[in-house]
Amino acid sequence: LQLVESGGGLVQPGGSLRLSCVASGASLDYYAVGWFRQAPGKEREEVSCISPNDGSTSYADSVKGRFTISRDKAKNTVHLQIDNVKPEDTAVYSCGARKGPFMGWVPCTPAEYGSWGQGTQVTVSS
């Protein structure tokens, strides 16, 4: 399984972005997929994750109500919609995957995921 992220860039506070995590080599239908981010000088932290089978999702408290994770099964892709961005959202965003299934919950810590993509930079600045 290989993952490639895209969609990052420079955005003003209050703006929106949609990040994409495109998979090849395997179907994401069998994997939990998570978005994680790492700001300069900080450890990688969880942002949001989605289970492979029942659609269970998890969000970090700091992004609840602003970020939305979703699957596009036809394109073997997981998106992260980012709305009302804040300067503290500035980071390199990476996606990872973990083989499922998970019923009613989804793991969402960096240590539980692998097959990392190269990441995409999100910079929030006016």
C-alpha atoms as a PDB file:
ATOM      1  CA  LEU A   1       0.000   0.000   0.000  1.00  0.00           C
ATOM      2  CA  GLN A   2       1.331   3.398  -0.999  1.00  0.00           C
ATOM      3  CA  LEU A   3      -0.244   6.687   0.004  1.00  0.00           C
ATOM      4  CA  VAL A   4       0.210  10.100  -1.601  1.00  0.00           C
ATOM      5  CA  GLU A   5      -1.116  13.307  -0.077  1.00  0.00           C
ATOM      6  CA  SER A   6      -2.024  16.484  -1.927  1.00  0.00           C
ATOM      7  CA  GLY A   7      -4.026  19.664  -1.513  1.00  0.00           C
ATOM      8  CA  GLY A   8      -1.906  21.624   0.909  1.00  0.00           C
ATOM      9  CA  GLY A   9      -0.878  25.219   0.425  1.00  0.00           C
ATOM     10  CA  LEU A  10      -0.991  28.730   1.800  1.00  0.00           C
ATOM     11  CA  VAL A  11      -4.383  29.817   3.131  1.00  0.00           C
ATOM     12  CA  GLN A  12      -5.607  32.812   5.099  1.00  0.00           C
ATOM     13  CA  PRO A  13      -7.160  32.400   8.545  1.00  0.00           C
ATOM     14  CA  GLY A  14     -10.814  31.497   8.174  1.00  0.00           C
ATOM     15  CA  GLY A  15     -10.265  29.917   4.779  1.00  0.00           C
ATOM     16  CA  SER A  16     -10.702  26.324   3.592  1.00  0.00           C
ATOM     17  CA  LEU A  17      -8.672  23.518   2.067  1.00  0.00           C
ATOM     18  CA  ARG A  18      -9.345  19.967   1.016  1.00  0.00           C
ATOM     19  CA  LEU A  19      -6.551  17.478   1.462  1.00  0.00           C
ATOM     20  CA  SER A  20      -6.529  14.177  -0.410  1.00  0.00           C
ATOM     21  CA  CYS A  21      -4.867  10.865   0.439  1.00  0.00           C
ATOM     22  CA  VAL A  22      -4.753   8.693  -2.674  1.00  0.00           C
ATOM     23  CA  ALA A  23      -3.893   5.012  -2.314  1.00  0.00           C
ATOM     24  CA  SER A  24      -2.327   2.573  -4.745  1.00  0.00           C
ATOM     25  CA  GLY A  25      -1.342  -1.046  -4.433  1.00  0.00           C
ATOM     26  CA  ALA A  26      -4.321  -2.018  -2.275  1.00  0.00           C
ATOM     27  CA  SER A  27      -7.933  -1.086  -1.633  1.00  0.00           C
ATOM     28  CA  LEU A  28      -8.550   1.329   1.224  1.00  0.00           C
ATOM     29  CA  ASP A  29     -11.831  -0.491   1.795  1.00  0.00           C
ATOM     30  CA  TYR A  30      -9.921  -2.751   4.205  1.00  0.00           C
ATOM     31  CA  TYR A  31      -7.920  -0.058   6.005  1.00  0.00           C
ATOM     32  CA  ALA A  32      -8.541   2.528   8.626  1.00  0.00           C
ATOM     33  CA  VAL A  33      -7.060   5.791   7.362  1.00  0.00           C
ATOM     34  CA  GLY A  34      -5.857   8.585   9.550  1.00  0.00           C
ATOM     35  CA  TRP A  35      -4.713  12.140   9.032  1.00  0.00           C
ATOM     36  CA  PHE A  36      -1.941  13.356  11.278  1.00  0.00           C
ATOM     37  CA  ARG A  37       0.080  16.554  11.404  1.00  0.00           C
ATOM     38  CA  GLN A  38       3.454  17.694  12.613  1.00  0.00           C
ATOM     39  CA  ALA A  39       4.332  21.311  13.269  1.00  0.00           C
ATOM     40  CA  PRO A  40       7.957  22.488  13.524  1.00  0.00           C
ATOM     41  CA  GLY A  41       9.507  21.435  16.810  1.00  0.00           C
ATOM     42  CA  LYS A  42       6.520  19.322  17.786  1.00  0.00           C
ATOM     43  CA  GLU A  43       5.663  15.650  17.674  1.00  0.00           C
ATOM     44  CA  ARG A  44       3.285  14.193  15.122  1.00  0.00           C
ATOM     45  CA  GLU A  45      -0.280  14.363  16.427  1.00  0.00           C
ATOM     46  CA  GLU A  46      -3.561  12.838  15.405  1.00  0.00           C
ATOM     47  CA  VAL A  47      -6.083  14.948  13.510  1.00  0.00           C
ATOM     48  CA  SER A  48      -8.793  12.581  12.308  1.00  0.00           C
ATOM     49  CA  CYS A  49      -9.317   8.925  11.448  1.00  0.00           C
ATOM     50  CA  ILE A  50     -11.982   6.857   9.697  1.00  0.00           C
ATOM     51  CA  SER A  51     -12.693   3.163   9.983  1.00  0.00           C
ATOM     52  CA  PRO A  52     -12.814   0.887   6.924  1.00  0.00           C
ATOM     53  CA  ASN A  53     -16.148  -0.793   7.463  1.00  0.00           C
ATOM     54  CA  ASP A  54     -18.738   1.099   9.515  1.00  0.00           C
ATOM     55  CA  GLY A  55     -17.586   4.666   8.893  1.00  0.00           C
ATOM     56  CA  SER A  56     -16.669   5.379  12.508  1.00  0.00           C
ATOM     57  CA  THR A  57     -14.656   8.569  12.806  1.00  0.00           C
ATOM     58  CA  SER A  58     -12.450  10.234  15.375  1.00  0.00           C
ATOM     59  CA  TYR A  59     -11.390  13.868  15.627  1.00  0.00           C
ATOM     60  CA  ALA A  60      -8.898  15.687  17.803  1.00  0.00           C
ATOM     61  CA  ASP A  61     -10.641  18.181  20.088  1.00  0.00           C
ATOM     62  CA  SER A  62      -8.760  21.034  18.430  1.00  0.00           C
ATOM     63  CA  VAL A  63     -10.349  20.337  15.024  1.00  0.00           C
ATOM     64  CA  LYS A  64     -13.864  19.180  15.925  1.00  0.00           C
ATOM     65  CA  GLY A  65     -16.475  21.157  14.038  1.00  0.00           C
ATOM     66  CA  ARG A  66     -13.916  22.481  11.525  1.00  0.00           C
ATOM     67  CA  PHE A  67     -12.426  19.351   9.912  1.00  0.00           C
ATOM     68  CA  THR A  68     -14.326  16.573   8.161  1.00  0.00           C
ATOM     69  CA  ILE A  69     -12.867  13.245   7.059  1.00  0.00           C
ATOM     70  CA  SER A  70     -14.531  11.246   4.279  1.00  0.00           C
ATOM     71  CA  ARG A  71     -13.953   8.377   1.885  1.00  0.00           C
ATOM     72  CA  ASP A  72     -14.314   8.297  -1.893  1.00  0.00           C
ATOM     73  CA  LYS A  73     -14.313   4.574  -2.497  1.00  0.00           C
ATOM     74  CA  ALA A  74     -14.506   4.907  -6.272  1.00  0.00           C
ATOM     75  CA  LYS A  75     -11.229   6.840  -6.246  1.00  0.00           C
ATOM     76  CA  ASN A  76      -9.567   4.861  -3.432  1.00  0.00           C
ATOM     77  CA  THR A  77      -9.091   8.172  -1.656  1.00  0.00           C
ATOM     78  CA  VAL A  78      -9.693   9.691   1.754  1.00  0.00           C
ATOM     79  CA  HIS A  79     -10.259  13.437   2.000  1.00  0.00           C
ATOM     80  CA  LEU A  80      -9.820  15.873   4.852  1.00  0.00           C
ATOM     81  CA  GLN A  81     -11.956  18.984   4.477  1.00  0.00           C
ATOM     82  CA  ILE A  82     -10.504  21.823   6.520  1.00  0.00           C
ATOM     83  CA  ASP A  83     -12.722  24.821   7.199  1.00  0.00           C
ATOM     84  CA  ASN A  84     -12.205  27.952   9.273  1.00  0.00           C
ATOM     85  CA  VAL A  85      -8.469  27.338   9.398  1.00  0.00           C
ATOM     86  CA  LYS A  86      -6.426  28.860  12.198  1.00  0.00           C
ATOM     87  CA  PRO A  87      -2.726  29.753  12.360  1.00  0.00           C
ATOM     88  CA  GLU A  88      -2.199  26.862  14.775  1.00  0.00           C
ATOM     89  CA  ASP A  89      -3.279  24.454  12.016  1.00  0.00           C
ATOM     90  CA  THR A  90       0.009  25.164  10.222  1.00  0.00           C
ATOM     91  CA  ALA A  91       1.850  21.844   9.860  1.00  0.00           C
ATOM     92  CA  VAL A  92       2.832  19.056   7.508  1.00  0.00           C
ATOM     93  CA  TYR A  93      -0.212  16.834   7.124  1.00  0.00           C
ATOM     94  CA  SER A  94       0.333  13.127   6.461  1.00  0.00           C
ATOM     95  CA  CYS A  95      -1.978  10.179   6.047  1.00  0.00           C
ATOM     96  CA  GLY A  96      -1.401   6.679   7.312  1.00  0.00           C
ATOM     97  CA  ALA A  97      -3.261   3.399   7.125  1.00  0.00           C
ATOM     98  CA  ARG A  98      -3.963   0.422   9.348  1.00  0.00           C
ATOM     99  CA  LYS A  99      -5.656  -2.837   8.387  1.00  0.00           C
ATOM    100  CA  GLY A 100      -9.176  -3.202   9.801  1.00  0.00           C
ATOM    101  CA  PRO A 101     -11.919  -4.019  10.568  1.00  0.00           C
ATOM    102  CA  PHE A 102     -12.995  -1.965  13.572  1.00  0.00           C
ATOM    103  CA  MET A 103     -16.551  -1.949  14.832  1.00  0.00           C
ATOM    104  CA  GLY A 104     -17.884   1.208  16.462  1.00  0.00           C
ATOM    105  CA  TRP A 105     -14.471   2.785  16.927  1.00  0.00           C
ATOM    106  CA  VAL A 106     -11.268   3.561  15.077  1.00  0.00           C
ATOM    107  CA  PRO A 107      -7.711   3.783  16.405  1.00  0.00           C
ATOM    108  CA  CYS A 108      -6.198   7.208  15.984  1.00  0.00           C
ATOM    109  CA  THR A 109      -2.692   7.582  17.314  1.00  0.00           C
ATOM    110  CA  PRO A 110       0.392   7.843  15.085  1.00  0.00           C
ATOM    111  CA  ALA A 111       1.984   4.738  16.613  1.00  0.00           C
ATOM    112  CA  GLU A 112      -0.930   2.616  15.389  1.00  0.00           C
ATOM    113  CA  TYR A 113      -0.528   3.549  11.722  1.00  0.00           C
ATOM    114  CA  GLY A 114       1.917   2.862   8.902  1.00  0.00           C
ATOM    115  CA  SER A 115       2.317   3.169   5.144  1.00  0.00           C
ATOM    116  CA  TRP A 116       2.904   6.894   5.579  1.00  0.00           C
ATOM    117  CA  GLY A 117       2.793   9.264   2.651  1.00  0.00           C
ATOM    118  CA  GLN A 118       5.320  12.044   2.157  1.00  0.00           C
ATOM    119  CA  GLY A 119       3.032  14.717   3.584  1.00  0.00           C
ATOM    120  CA  THR A 120       1.619  17.995   2.330  1.00  0.00           C
ATOM    121  CA  GLN A 121       2.363  21.395   3.857  1.00  0.00           C
ATOM    122  CA  VAL A 122      -0.479  23.547   5.147  1.00  0.00           C
ATOM    123  CA  THR A 123       0.453  27.098   6.051  1.00  0.00           C
ATOM    124  CA  VAL A 124      -2.115  29.442   7.570  1.00  0.00           C
ATOM    125  CA  SER A 125      -1.082  33.064   7.391  1.00  0.00           C
ATOM    126  CA  SER A 126      -2.511  36.430   6.482  1.00  0.00           C
END
